[in-house]
Amino acid sequence: MPCWACPAEPGPSGLVCAACGAPQPPQPGEDLFDALGLPRSFALEPALLERCWKERARAVHPDRFARAEPRARRVASARSAQLHQAYRTLREPRSRAAYLLSLAGV
């Protein structure tokens, strides 16, 4: 899916456009594992989870887009909230298990 701000394709992480630097909204069907760039699995290394979260949260932190146009600020804020929710859900084994079960329709 092309960038909302320019005709280029977003970068490999899907968080920020490689051409114009605009933050990108979540893609349809993207789950919390996808948001953090992690495999859908109960067994997650806490250090990897934290590293992925910090890298991605830094890329779309709303402060980076404070002087951007209003849509970019809204997208960055929404994406940042999604990443924080993903980290909070996936860092705890119980909530990670419940989330995996919900993805499986249980």
PDB file of N, CA and C in Angstrom:
ATOM      1  N   MET A   1       0.846  -1.169   0.000  1.00  0.00           N
ATOM      2  CA  MET A   1       0.000   0.000   0.000  1.00  0.00           C
ATOM      3  C   MET A   1       0.897   1.240   0.000  1.00  0.00           C
ATOM      4  N   PRO A   2       0.669   2.174  -0.925  1.00  0.00           N
ATOM      5  CA  PRO A   2       1.534   3.358  -0.995  1.00  0.00           C
ATOM      6  C   PRO A   2       1.337   4.286   0.202  1.00  0.00           C
ATOM      7  N   CYS A   3       2.302   5.139   0.379  1.00  0.00           N
ATOM      8  CA  CYS A   3       2.276   6.148   1.443  1.00  0.00           C
ATOM      9  C   CYS A   3       1.072   7.067   1.240  1.00  0.00           C
ATOM     10  N   TRP A   4       0.476   7.514   2.331  1.00  0.00           N
ATOM     11  CA  TRP A   4      -0.659   8.427   2.229  1.00  0.00           C
ATOM     12  C   TRP A   4      -0.217   9.835   1.825  1.00  0.00           C
ATOM     13  N   ALA A   5       1.067  10.167   2.057  1.00  0.00           N
ATOM     14  CA  ALA A   5       1.554  11.517   1.794  1.00  0.00           C
ATOM     15  C   ALA A   5       2.280  11.678   0.462  1.00  0.00           C
ATOM     16  N   CYS A   6       2.722  10.572  -0.125  1.00  0.00           N
ATOM     17  CA  CYS A   6       3.429  10.627  -1.405  1.00  0.00           C
ATOM     18  C   CYS A   6       3.189   9.310  -2.148  1.00  0.00           C
ATOM     19  N   PRO A   7       3.549   9.210  -3.403  1.00  0.00           N
ATOM     20  CA  PRO A   7       3.276   7.976  -4.150  1.00  0.00           C
ATOM     21  C   PRO A   7       4.244   6.817  -3.872  1.00  0.00           C
ATOM     22  N   ALA A   8       5.233   7.004  -3.013  1.00  0.00           N
ATOM     23  CA  ALA A   8       6.237   5.969  -2.740  1.00  0.00           C
ATOM     24  C   ALA A   8       5.683   4.878  -1.836  1.00  0.00           C
ATOM     25  N   GLU A   9       6.385   3.776  -1.797  1.00  0.00           N
ATOM     26  CA  GLU A   9       6.055   2.683  -0.889  1.00  0.00           C
ATOM     27  C   GLU A   9       6.735   2.943   0.452  1.00  0.00           C
ATOM     28  N   PRO A  10       6.056   2.618   1.570  1.00  0.00           N
ATOM     29  CA  PRO A  10       6.689   2.788   2.884  1.00  0.00           C
ATOM     30  C   PRO A  10       7.929   1.913   3.018  1.00  0.00           C
ATOM     31  N   GLY A  11       8.751   2.224   3.971  1.00  0.00           N
ATOM     32  CA  GLY A  11       9.970   1.466   4.216  1.00  0.00           C
ATOM     33  C   GLY A  11       9.684   0.048   4.672  1.00  0.00           C
ATOM     34  N   PRO A  12      10.727  -0.743   4.892  1.00  0.00           N
ATOM     35  CA  PRO A  12      10.558  -2.153   5.251  1.00  0.00           C
ATOM     36  C   PRO A  12       9.800  -2.387   6.554  1.00  0.00           C
ATOM     37  N   SER A  13       9.879  -1.461   7.489  1.00  0.00           N
ATOM     38  CA  SER A  13       9.165  -1.650   8.745  1.00  0.00           C
ATOM     39  C   SER A  13       7.686  -1.318   8.602  1.00  0.00           C
ATOM     40  N   GLY A  14       7.329  -0.536   7.584  1.00  0.00           N
ATOM     41  CA  GLY A  14       5.953  -0.122   7.392  1.00  0.00           C
ATOM     42  C   GLY A  14       5.516   0.988   8.325  1.00  0.00           C
ATOM     43  N   LEU A  15       6.442   1.504   9.121  1.00  0.00           N
ATOM     44  CA  LEU A  15       6.109   2.543  10.084  1.00  0.00           C
ATOM     45  C   LEU A  15       6.242   3.943   9.515  1.00  0.00           C
ATOM     46  N   VAL A  16       7.289   4.147   8.702  1.00  0.00           N
ATOM     47  CA  VAL A  16       7.595   5.469   8.170  1.00  0.00           C
ATOM     48  C   VAL A  16       7.930   5.312   6.689  1.00  0.00           C
ATOM     49  N   CYS A  17       7.448   6.228   5.879  1.00  0.00           N
ATOM     50  CA  CYS A  17       7.733   6.210   4.447  1.00  0.00           C
ATOM     51  C   CYS A  17       9.220   6.453   4.230  1.00  0.00           C
ATOM     52  N   ALA A  18       9.845   5.617   3.403  1.00  0.00           N
ATOM     53  CA  ALA A  18      11.266   5.763   3.127  1.00  0.00           C
ATOM     54  C   ALA A  18      11.549   7.018   2.303  1.00  0.00           C
ATOM     55  N   ALA A  19      10.588   7.464   1.508  1.00  0.00           N
ATOM     56  CA  ALA A  19      10.804   8.613   0.635  1.00  0.00           C
ATOM     57  C   ALA A  19      10.557   9.946   1.332  1.00  0.00           C
ATOM     58  N   CYS A  20       9.424  10.089   2.001  1.00  0.00           N
ATOM     59  CA  CYS A  20       9.071  11.402   2.570  1.00  0.00           C
ATOM     60  C   CYS A  20       9.134  11.446   4.096  1.00  0.00           C
ATOM     61  N   GLY A  21       9.262  10.300   4.755  1.00  0.00           N
ATOM     62  CA  GLY A  21       9.372  10.269   6.211  1.00  0.00           C
ATOM     63  C   GLY A  21       8.070  10.361   6.965  1.00  0.00           C
ATOM     64  N   ALA A  22       6.939  10.305   6.252  1.00  0.00           N
ATOM     65  CA  ALA A  22       5.635  10.402   6.921  1.00  0.00           C
ATOM     66  C   ALA A  22       5.331   9.119   7.684  1.00  0.00           C
ATOM     67  N   PRO A  23       4.776   9.241   8.892  1.00  0.00           N
ATOM     68  CA  PRO A  23       4.380   8.033   9.628  1.00  0.00           C
ATOM     69  C   PRO A  23       3.232   7.347   8.892  1.00  0.00           C
ATOM     70  N   GLN A  24       3.201   6.033   8.954  1.00  0.00           N
ATOM     71  CA  GLN A  24       2.193   5.264   8.225  1.00  0.00           C
ATOM     72  C   GLN A  24       1.191   4.639   9.187  1.00  0.00           C
ATOM     73  N   PRO A  25      -0.088   4.663   8.826  1.00  0.00           N
ATOM     74  CA  PRO A  25      -1.098   4.032   9.680  1.00  0.00           C
ATOM     75  C   PRO A  25      -0.962   2.513   9.638  1.00  0.00           C
ATOM     76  N   PRO A  26      -1.526   1.817  10.607  1.00  0.00           N
ATOM     77  CA  PRO A  26      -1.483   0.354  10.578  1.00  0.00           C
ATOM     78  C   PRO A  26      -2.162  -0.186   9.322  1.00  0.00           C
ATOM     79  N   GLN A  27      -1.646  -1.280   8.819  1.00  0.00           N
ATOM     80  CA  GLN A  27      -2.213  -1.920   7.640  1.00  0.00           C
ATOM     81  C   GLN A  27      -3.412  -2.762   8.039  1.00  0.00           C
ATOM     82  N   PRO A  28      -4.367  -2.957   7.134  1.00  0.00           N
ATOM     83  CA  PRO A  28      -5.516  -3.819   7.452  1.00  0.00           C
ATOM     84  C   PRO A  28      -5.036  -5.224   7.826  1.00  0.00           C
ATOM     85  N   GLY A  29      -5.598  -5.766   8.874  1.00  0.00           N
ATOM     86  CA  GLY A  29      -5.245  -7.107   9.320  1.00  0.00           C
ATOM     87  C   GLY A  29      -3.980  -7.182  10.159  1.00  0.00           C
ATOM     88  N   GLU A  30      -3.374  -6.055  10.444  1.00  0.00           N
ATOM     89  CA  GLU A  30      -2.142  -6.051  11.241  1.00  0.00           C
ATOM     90  C   GLU A  30      -2.488  -6.308  12.710  1.00  0.00           C
ATOM     91  N   ASP A  31      -1.818  -7.291  13.309  1.00  0.00           N
ATOM     92  CA  ASP A  31      -2.056  -7.564  14.726  1.00  0.00           C
ATOM     93  C   ASP A  31      -0.908  -6.971  15.551  1.00  0.00           C
ATOM     94  N   LEU A  32      -0.950  -7.190  16.858  1.00  0.00           N
ATOM     95  CA  LEU A  32       0.050  -6.599  17.740  1.00  0.00           C
ATOM     96  C   LEU A  32       1.451  -7.164  17.501  1.00  0.00           C
ATOM     97  N   PHE A  33       1.532  -8.425  17.112  1.00  0.00           N
ATOM     98  CA  PHE A  33       2.839  -9.011  16.787  1.00  0.00           C
ATOM     99  C   PHE A  33       3.410  -8.331  15.537  1.00  0.00           C
ATOM    100  N   ASP A  34       2.550  -8.150  14.522  1.00  0.00           N
ATOM    101  CA  ASP A  34       2.975  -7.479  13.295  1.00  0.00           C
ATOM    102  C   ASP A  34       3.446  -6.054  13.595  1.00  0.00           C
ATOM    103  N   ALA A  35       2.721  -5.373  14.466  1.00  0.00           N
ATOM    104  CA  ALA A  35       3.059  -3.991  14.796  1.00  0.00           C
ATOM    105  C   ALA A  35       4.480  -3.892  15.338  1.00  0.00           C
ATOM    106  N   LEU A  36       4.910  -4.890  16.090  1.00  0.00           N
ATOM    107  CA  LEU A  36       6.259  -4.888  16.665  1.00  0.00           C
ATOM    108  C   LEU A  36       7.272  -5.636  15.801  1.00  0.00           C
ATOM    109  N   GLY A  37       6.820  -6.198  14.695  1.00  0.00           N
ATOM    110  CA  GLY A  37       7.731  -6.932  13.817  1.00  0.00           C
ATOM    111  C   GLY A  37       8.196  -8.244  14.402  1.00  0.00           C
ATOM    112  N   LEU A  38       7.337  -8.877  15.177  1.00  0.00           N
ATOM    113  CA  LEU A  38       7.679 -10.133  15.855  1.00  0.00           C
ATOM    114  C   LEU A  38       6.850 -11.287  15.304  1.00  0.00           C
ATOM    115  N   PRO A  39       7.377 -12.507  15.402  1.00  0.00           N
ATOM    116  CA  PRO A  39       6.582 -13.669  14.984  1.00  0.00           C
ATOM    117  C   PRO A  39       5.441 -13.906  15.971  1.00  0.00           C
ATOM    118  N   ARG A  40       4.367 -14.431  15.477  1.00  0.00           N
ATOM    119  CA  ARG A  40       3.208 -14.739  16.323  1.00  0.00           C
ATOM    120  C   ARG A  40       3.521 -16.005  17.106  1.00  0.00           C
ATOM    121  N   SER A  41       3.967 -15.827  18.341  1.00  0.00           N
ATOM    122  CA  SER A  41       4.398 -16.956  19.157  1.00  0.00           C
ATOM    123  C   SER A  41       4.285 -16.606  20.636  1.00  0.00           C
ATOM    124  N   PHE A  42       3.971 -17.621  21.451  1.00  0.00           N
ATOM    125  CA  PHE A  42       3.928 -17.392  22.893  1.00  0.00           C
ATOM    126  C   PHE A  42       5.337 -17.188  23.446  1.00  0.00           C
ATOM    127  N   ALA A  43       6.301 -17.919  22.887  1.00  0.00           N
ATOM    128  CA  ALA A  43       7.682 -17.844  23.369  1.00  0.00           C
ATOM    129  C   ALA A  43       8.366 -16.629  22.760  1.00  0.00           C
ATOM    130  N   LEU A  44       8.447 -15.565  23.534  1.00  0.00           N
ATOM    131  CA  LEU A  44       9.135 -14.348  23.101  1.00  0.00           C
ATOM    132  C   LEU A  44      10.229 -14.019  24.094  1.00  0.00           C
ATOM    133  N   GLU A  45      11.396 -13.663  23.587  1.00  0.00           N
ATOM    134  CA  GLU A  45      12.474 -13.222  24.462  1.00  0.00           C
ATOM    135  C   GLU A  45      12.148 -11.805  24.938  1.00  0.00           C
ATOM    136  N   PRO A  46      12.120 -11.594  26.242  1.00  0.00           N
ATOM    137  CA  PRO A  46      11.804 -10.252  26.750  1.00  0.00           C
ATOM    138  C   PRO A  46      12.721  -9.164  26.197  1.00  0.00           C
ATOM    139  N   ALA A  47      14.003  -9.464  26.035  1.00  0.00           N
ATOM    140  CA  ALA A  47      14.941  -8.460  25.522  1.00  0.00           C
ATOM    141  C   ALA A  47      14.627  -8.103  24.070  1.00  0.00           C
ATOM    142  N   LEU A  48      14.263  -9.083  23.270  1.00  0.00           N
ATOM    143  CA  LEU A  48      13.901  -8.835  21.870  1.00  0.00           C
ATOM    144  C   LEU A  48      12.617  -8.008  21.790  1.00  0.00           C
ATOM    145  N   LEU A  49      11.636  -8.376  22.594  1.00  0.00           N
ATOM    146  CA  LEU A  49      10.373  -7.644  22.627  1.00  0.00           C
ATOM    147  C   LEU A  49      10.621  -6.173  22.972  1.00  0.00           C
ATOM    148  N   GLU A  50      11.399  -5.926  24.001  1.00  0.00           N
ATOM    149  CA  GLU A  50      11.677  -4.555  24.418  1.00  0.00           C
ATOM    150  C   GLU A  50      12.464  -3.791  23.362  1.00  0.00           C
ATOM    151  N   ARG A  51      13.449  -4.451  22.752  1.00  0.00           N
ATOM    152  CA  ARG A  51      14.253  -3.798  21.719  1.00  0.00           C
ATOM    153  C   ARG A  51      13.396  -3.405  20.511  1.00  0.00           C
ATOM    154  N   CYS A  52      12.540  -4.331  20.056  1.00  0.00           N
ATOM    155  CA  CYS A  52      11.659  -4.035  18.918  1.00  0.00           C
ATOM    156  C   CYS A  52      10.709  -2.899  19.250  1.00  0.00           C
ATOM    157  N   TRP A  53      10.153  -2.925  20.453  1.00  0.00           N
ATOM    158  CA  TRP A  53       9.234  -1.871  20.862  1.00  0.00           C
ATOM    159  C   TRP A  53       9.944  -0.514  20.890  1.00  0.00           C
ATOM    160  N   LYS A  54      11.125  -0.447  21.497  1.00  0.00           N
ATOM    161  CA  LYS A  54      11.834   0.829  21.605  1.00  0.00           C
ATOM    162  C   LYS A  54      12.210   1.383  20.241  1.00  0.00           C
ATOM    163  N   GLU A  55      12.703   0.521  19.354  1.00  0.00           N
ATOM    164  CA  GLU A  55      13.094   0.973  18.015  1.00  0.00           C
ATOM    165  C   GLU A  55      11.900   1.529  17.255  1.00  0.00           C
ATOM    166  N   ARG A  56      10.801   0.803  17.303  1.00  0.00           N
ATOM    167  CA  ARG A  56       9.619   1.228  16.558  1.00  0.00           C
ATOM    168  C   ARG A  56       8.948   2.433  17.190  1.00  0.00           C
ATOM    169  N   ALA A  57       8.885   2.457  18.516  1.00  0.00           N
ATOM    170  CA  ALA A  57       8.269   3.595  19.198  1.00  0.00           C
ATOM    171  C   ALA A  57       9.063   4.874  18.944  1.00  0.00           C
ATOM    172  N   ARG A  58      10.375   4.749  18.880  1.00  0.00           N
ATOM    173  CA  ARG A  58      11.219   5.905  18.603  1.00  0.00           C
ATOM    174  C   ARG A  58      10.960   6.450  17.197  1.00  0.00           C
ATOM    175  N   ALA A  59      10.739   5.551  16.242  1.00  0.00           N
ATOM    176  CA  ALA A  59      10.539   5.971  14.848  1.00  0.00           C
ATOM    177  C   ALA A  59       9.267   6.783  14.643  1.00  0.00           C
ATOM    178  N   VAL A  60       8.220   6.492  15.420  1.00  0.00           N
ATOM    179  CA  VAL A  60       6.941   7.180  15.223  1.00  0.00           C
ATOM    180  C   VAL A  60       6.523   8.000  16.447  1.00  0.00           C
ATOM    181  N   HIS A  61       7.454   8.306  17.319  1.00  0.00           N
ATOM    182  CA  HIS A  61       7.102   9.079  18.514  1.00  0.00           C
ATOM    183  C   HIS A  61       6.480  10.407  18.085  1.00  0.00           C
ATOM    184  N   PRO A  62       5.371  10.786  18.692  1.00  0.00           N
ATOM    185  CA  PRO A  62       4.689  12.024  18.302  1.00  0.00           C
ATOM    186  C   PRO A  62       5.569  13.277  18.351  1.00  0.00           C
ATOM    187  N   ASP A  63       6.558  13.316  19.221  1.00  0.00           N
ATOM    188  CA  ASP A  63       7.443  14.484  19.291  1.00  0.00           C
ATOM    189  C   ASP A  63       8.233  14.677  17.995  1.00  0.00           C
ATOM    190  N   ARG A  64       8.512  13.593  17.287  1.00  0.00           N
ATOM    191  CA  ARG A  64       9.242  13.691  16.015  1.00  0.00           C
ATOM    192  C   ARG A  64       8.397  14.393  14.949  1.00  0.00           C
ATOM    193  N   PHE A  65       7.083  14.394  15.135  1.00  0.00           N
ATOM    194  CA  PHE A  65       6.172  14.959  14.142  1.00  0.00           C
ATOM    195  C   PHE A  65       5.409  16.167  14.687  1.00  0.00           C
ATOM    196  N   ALA A  66       5.943  16.800  15.717  1.00  0.00           N
ATOM    197  CA  ALA A  66       5.263  17.924  16.360  1.00  0.00           C
ATOM    198  C   ALA A  66       5.027  19.095  15.410  1.00  0.00           C
ATOM    199  N   ARG A  67       5.904  19.269  14.440  1.00  0.00           N
ATOM    200  CA  ARG A  67       5.759  20.384  13.499  1.00  0.00           C
ATOM    201  C   ARG A  67       5.240  19.929  12.137  1.00  0.00           C
ATOM    202  N   ALA A  68       4.832  18.697  12.049  1.00  0.00           N
ATOM    203  CA  ALA A  68       4.307  18.159  10.786  1.00  0.00           C
ATOM    204  C   ALA A  68       2.853  18.579  10.608  1.00  0.00           C
ATOM    205  N   GLU A  69       2.308  18.244   9.464  1.00  0.00           N
ATOM    206  CA  GLU A  69       0.900  18.563   9.210  1.00  0.00           C
ATOM    207  C   GLU A  69       0.001  17.772  10.165  1.00  0.00           C
ATOM    208  N   PRO A  70      -1.235  18.215  10.365  1.00  0.00           N
ATOM    209  CA  PRO A  70      -2.123  17.574  11.344  1.00  0.00           C
ATOM    210  C   PRO A  70      -2.320  16.069  11.122  1.00  0.00           C
ATOM    211  N   ARG A  71      -2.459  15.634   9.867  1.00  0.00           N
ATOM    212  CA  ARG A  71      -2.668  14.203   9.632  1.00  0.00           C
ATOM    213  C   ARG A  71      -1.459  13.390  10.079  1.00  0.00           C
ATOM    214  N   ALA A  72      -0.270  13.882   9.816  1.00  0.00           N
ATOM    215  CA  ALA A  72       0.945  13.174  10.235  1.00  0.00           C
ATOM    216  C   ALA A  72       1.003  13.078  11.759  1.00  0.00           C
ATOM    217  N   ARG A  73       0.607  14.146  12.440  1.00  0.00           N
ATOM    218  CA  ARG A  73       0.599  14.117  13.908  1.00  0.00           C
ATOM    219  C   ARG A  73      -0.411  13.099  14.426  1.00  0.00           C
ATOM    220  N   ARG A  74      -1.597  13.044  13.800  1.00  0.00           N
ATOM    221  CA  ARG A  74      -2.611  12.074  14.226  1.00  0.00           C
ATOM    222  C   ARG A  74      -2.146  10.637  13.980  1.00  0.00           C
ATOM    223  N   VAL A  75      -1.570  10.389  12.808  1.00  0.00           N
ATOM    224  CA  VAL A  75      -1.097   9.040  12.482  1.00  0.00           C
ATOM    225  C   VAL A  75       0.020   8.630  13.441  1.00  0.00           C
ATOM    226  N   ALA A  76       0.963   9.520  13.709  1.00  0.00           N
ATOM    227  CA  ALA A  76       2.060   9.211  14.629  1.00  0.00           C
ATOM    228  C   ALA A  76       1.529   8.912  16.024  1.00  0.00           C
ATOM    229  N   SER A  77       0.560   9.685  16.470  1.00  0.00           N
ATOM    230  CA  SER A  77      -0.019   9.462  17.793  1.00  0.00           C
ATOM    231  C   SER A  77      -0.751   8.125  17.861  1.00  0.00           C
ATOM    232  N   ALA A  78      -1.527   7.827  16.830  1.00  0.00           N
ATOM    233  CA  ALA A  78      -2.257   6.550  16.803  1.00  0.00           C
ATOM    234  C   ALA A  78      -1.297   5.367  16.723  1.00  0.00           C
ATOM    235  N   ARG A  79      -0.271   5.488  15.893  1.00  0.00           N
ATOM    236  CA  ARG A  79       0.690   4.397  15.748  1.00  0.00           C
ATOM    237  C   ARG A  79       1.471   4.204  17.041  1.00  0.00           C
ATOM    238  N   SER A  80       1.831   5.289  17.695  1.00  0.00           N
ATOM    239  CA  SER A  80       2.543   5.210  18.961  1.00  0.00           C
ATOM    240  C   SER A  80       1.681   4.521  20.016  1.00  0.00           C
ATOM    241  N   ALA A  81       0.410   4.867  20.070  1.00  0.00           N
ATOM    242  CA  ALA A  81      -0.507   4.226  21.015  1.00  0.00           C
ATOM    243  C   ALA A  81      -0.630   2.732  20.718  1.00  0.00           C
ATOM    244  N   GLN A  82      -0.687   2.373  19.434  1.00  0.00           N
ATOM    245  CA  GLN A  82      -0.777   0.960  19.062  1.00  0.00           C
ATOM    246  C   GLN A  82       0.474   0.201  19.538  1.00  0.00           C
ATOM    247  N   LEU A  83       1.644   0.797  19.352  1.00  0.00           N
ATOM    248  CA  LEU A  83       2.887   0.134  19.761  1.00  0.00           C
ATOM    249  C   LEU A  83       2.966  -0.027  21.270  1.00  0.00           C
ATOM    250  N   HIS A  84       2.515   0.970  22.008  1.00  0.00           N
ATOM    251  CA  HIS A  84       2.520   0.863  23.471  1.00  0.00           C
ATOM    252  C   HIS A  84       1.533  -0.213  23.932  1.00  0.00           C
ATOM    253  N   GLN A  85       0.376  -0.281  23.293  1.00  0.00           N
ATOM    254  CA  GLN A  85      -0.598  -1.324  23.622  1.00  0.00           C
ATOM    255  C   GLN A  85      -0.016  -2.704  23.315  1.00  0.00           C
ATOM    256  N   ALA A  86       0.668  -2.820  22.182  1.00  0.00           N
ATOM    257  CA  ALA A  86       1.285  -4.098  21.817  1.00  0.00           C
ATOM    258  C   ALA A  86       2.315  -4.515  22.858  1.00  0.00           C
ATOM    259  N   TYR A  87       3.149  -3.581  23.274  1.00  0.00           N
ATOM    260  CA  TYR A  87       4.169  -3.903  24.265  1.00  0.00           C
ATOM    261  C   TYR A  87       3.537  -4.313  25.590  1.00  0.00           C
ATOM    262  N   ARG A  88       2.543  -3.550  26.047  1.00  0.00           N
ATOM    263  CA  ARG A  88       1.879  -3.874  27.315  1.00  0.00           C
ATOM    264  C   ARG A  88       1.216  -5.248  27.258  1.00  0.00           C
ATOM    265  N   THR A  89       0.605  -5.571  26.152  1.00  0.00           N
ATOM    266  CA  THR A  89      -0.096  -6.850  26.014  1.00  0.00           C
ATOM    267  C   THR A  89       0.881  -8.015  25.904  1.00  0.00           C
ATOM    268  N   LEU A  90       1.923  -7.857  25.117  1.00  0.00           N
ATOM    269  CA  LEU A  90       2.810  -8.983  24.824  1.00  0.00           C
ATOM    270  C   LEU A  90       3.913  -9.200  25.857  1.00  0.00           C
ATOM    271  N   ARG A  91       4.172  -8.236  26.719  1.00  0.00           N
ATOM    272  CA  ARG A  91       5.253  -8.432  27.694  1.00  0.00           C
ATOM    273  C   ARG A  91       4.851  -9.361  28.838  1.00  0.00           C
ATOM    274  N   GLU A  92       3.563  -9.455  29.129  1.00  0.00           N
ATOM    275  CA  GLU A  92       3.093 -10.321  30.207  1.00  0.00           C
ATOM    276  C   GLU A  92       2.600 -11.649  29.632  1.00  0.00           C
ATOM    277  N   PRO A  93       3.093 -12.789  30.158  1.00  0.00           N
ATOM    278  CA  PRO A  93       2.697 -14.089  29.601  1.00  0.00           C
ATOM    279  C   PRO A  93       1.183 -14.328  29.581  1.00  0.00           C
ATOM    280  N   ARG A  94       0.485 -13.937  30.624  1.00  0.00           N
ATOM    281  CA  ARG A  94      -0.970 -14.175  30.656  1.00  0.00           C
ATOM    282  C   ARG A  94      -1.700 -13.376  29.586  1.00  0.00           C
ATOM    283  N   SER A  95      -1.391 -12.103  29.477  1.00  0.00           N
ATOM    284  CA  SER A  95      -2.079 -11.295  28.474  1.00  0.00           C
ATOM    285  C   SER A  95      -1.643 -11.709  27.065  1.00  0.00           C
ATOM    286  N   ARG A  96      -0.391 -12.142  26.894  1.00  0.00           N
ATOM    287  CA  ARG A  96       0.064 -12.645  25.589  1.00  0.00           C
ATOM    288  C   ARG A  96      -0.700 -13.907  25.214  1.00  0.00           C
ATOM    289  N   ALA A  97      -0.878 -14.806  26.177  1.00  0.00           N
ATOM    290  CA  ALA A  97      -1.633 -16.031  25.920  1.00  0.00           C
ATOM    291  C   ALA A  97      -3.083 -15.722  25.574  1.00  0.00           C
ATOM    292  N   ALA A  98      -3.689 -14.825  26.320  1.00  0.00           N
ATOM    293  CA  ALA A  98      -5.090 -14.438  26.047  1.00  0.00           C
ATOM    294  C   ALA A  98      -5.200 -13.807  24.659  1.00  0.00           C
ATOM    295  N   TYR A  99      -4.227 -12.979  24.286  1.00  0.00           N
ATOM    296  CA  TYR A  99      -4.267 -12.352  22.974  1.00  0.00           C
ATOM    297  C   TYR A  99      -4.113 -13.384  21.858  1.00  0.00           C
ATOM    298  N   LEU A 100      -3.182 -14.328  22.046  1.00  0.00           N
ATOM    299  CA  LEU A 100      -3.015 -15.390  21.046  1.00  0.00           C
ATOM    300  C   LEU A 100      -4.294 -16.214  20.898  1.00  0.00           C
ATOM    301  N   LEU A 101      -4.954 -16.498  22.009  1.00  0.00           N
ATOM    302  CA  LEU A 101      -6.215 -17.228  21.949  1.00  0.00           C
ATOM    303  C   LEU A 101      -7.280 -16.422  21.231  1.00  0.00           C
ATOM    304  N   SER A 102      -7.320 -15.123  21.466  1.00  0.00           N
ATOM    305  CA  SER A 102      -8.316 -14.288  20.773  1.00  0.00           C
ATOM    306  C   SER A 102      -8.039 -14.248  19.277  1.00  0.00           C
ATOM    307  N   LEU A 103      -6.774 -14.268  18.877  1.00  0.00           N
ATOM    308  CA  LEU A 103      -6.457 -14.318  17.452  1.00  0.00           C
ATOM    309  C   LEU A 103      -6.898 -15.627  16.816  1.00  0.00           C
ATOM    310  N   ALA A 104      -6.886 -16.694  17.626  1.00  0.00           N
ATOM    311  CA  ALA A 104      -7.315 -18.005  17.140  1.00  0.00           C
ATOM    312  C   ALA A 104      -8.826 -18.187  17.206  1.00  0.00           C
ATOM    313  N   GLY A 105      -9.524 -17.171  17.720  1.00  0.00           N
ATOM    314  CA  GLY A 105     -10.989 -17.241  17.782  1.00  0.00           C
ATOM    315  C   GLY A 105     -11.531 -17.922  19.016  1.00  0.00           C
ATOM    316  N   VAL A 106     -10.692 -18.073  20.029  1.00  0.00           N
ATOM    317  CA  VAL A 106     -11.121 -18.724  21.264  1.00  0.00           C
ATOM    318  C   VAL A 106     -11.534 -17.688  22.277  1.00  0.00           C
TER     319      VAL A 106
END
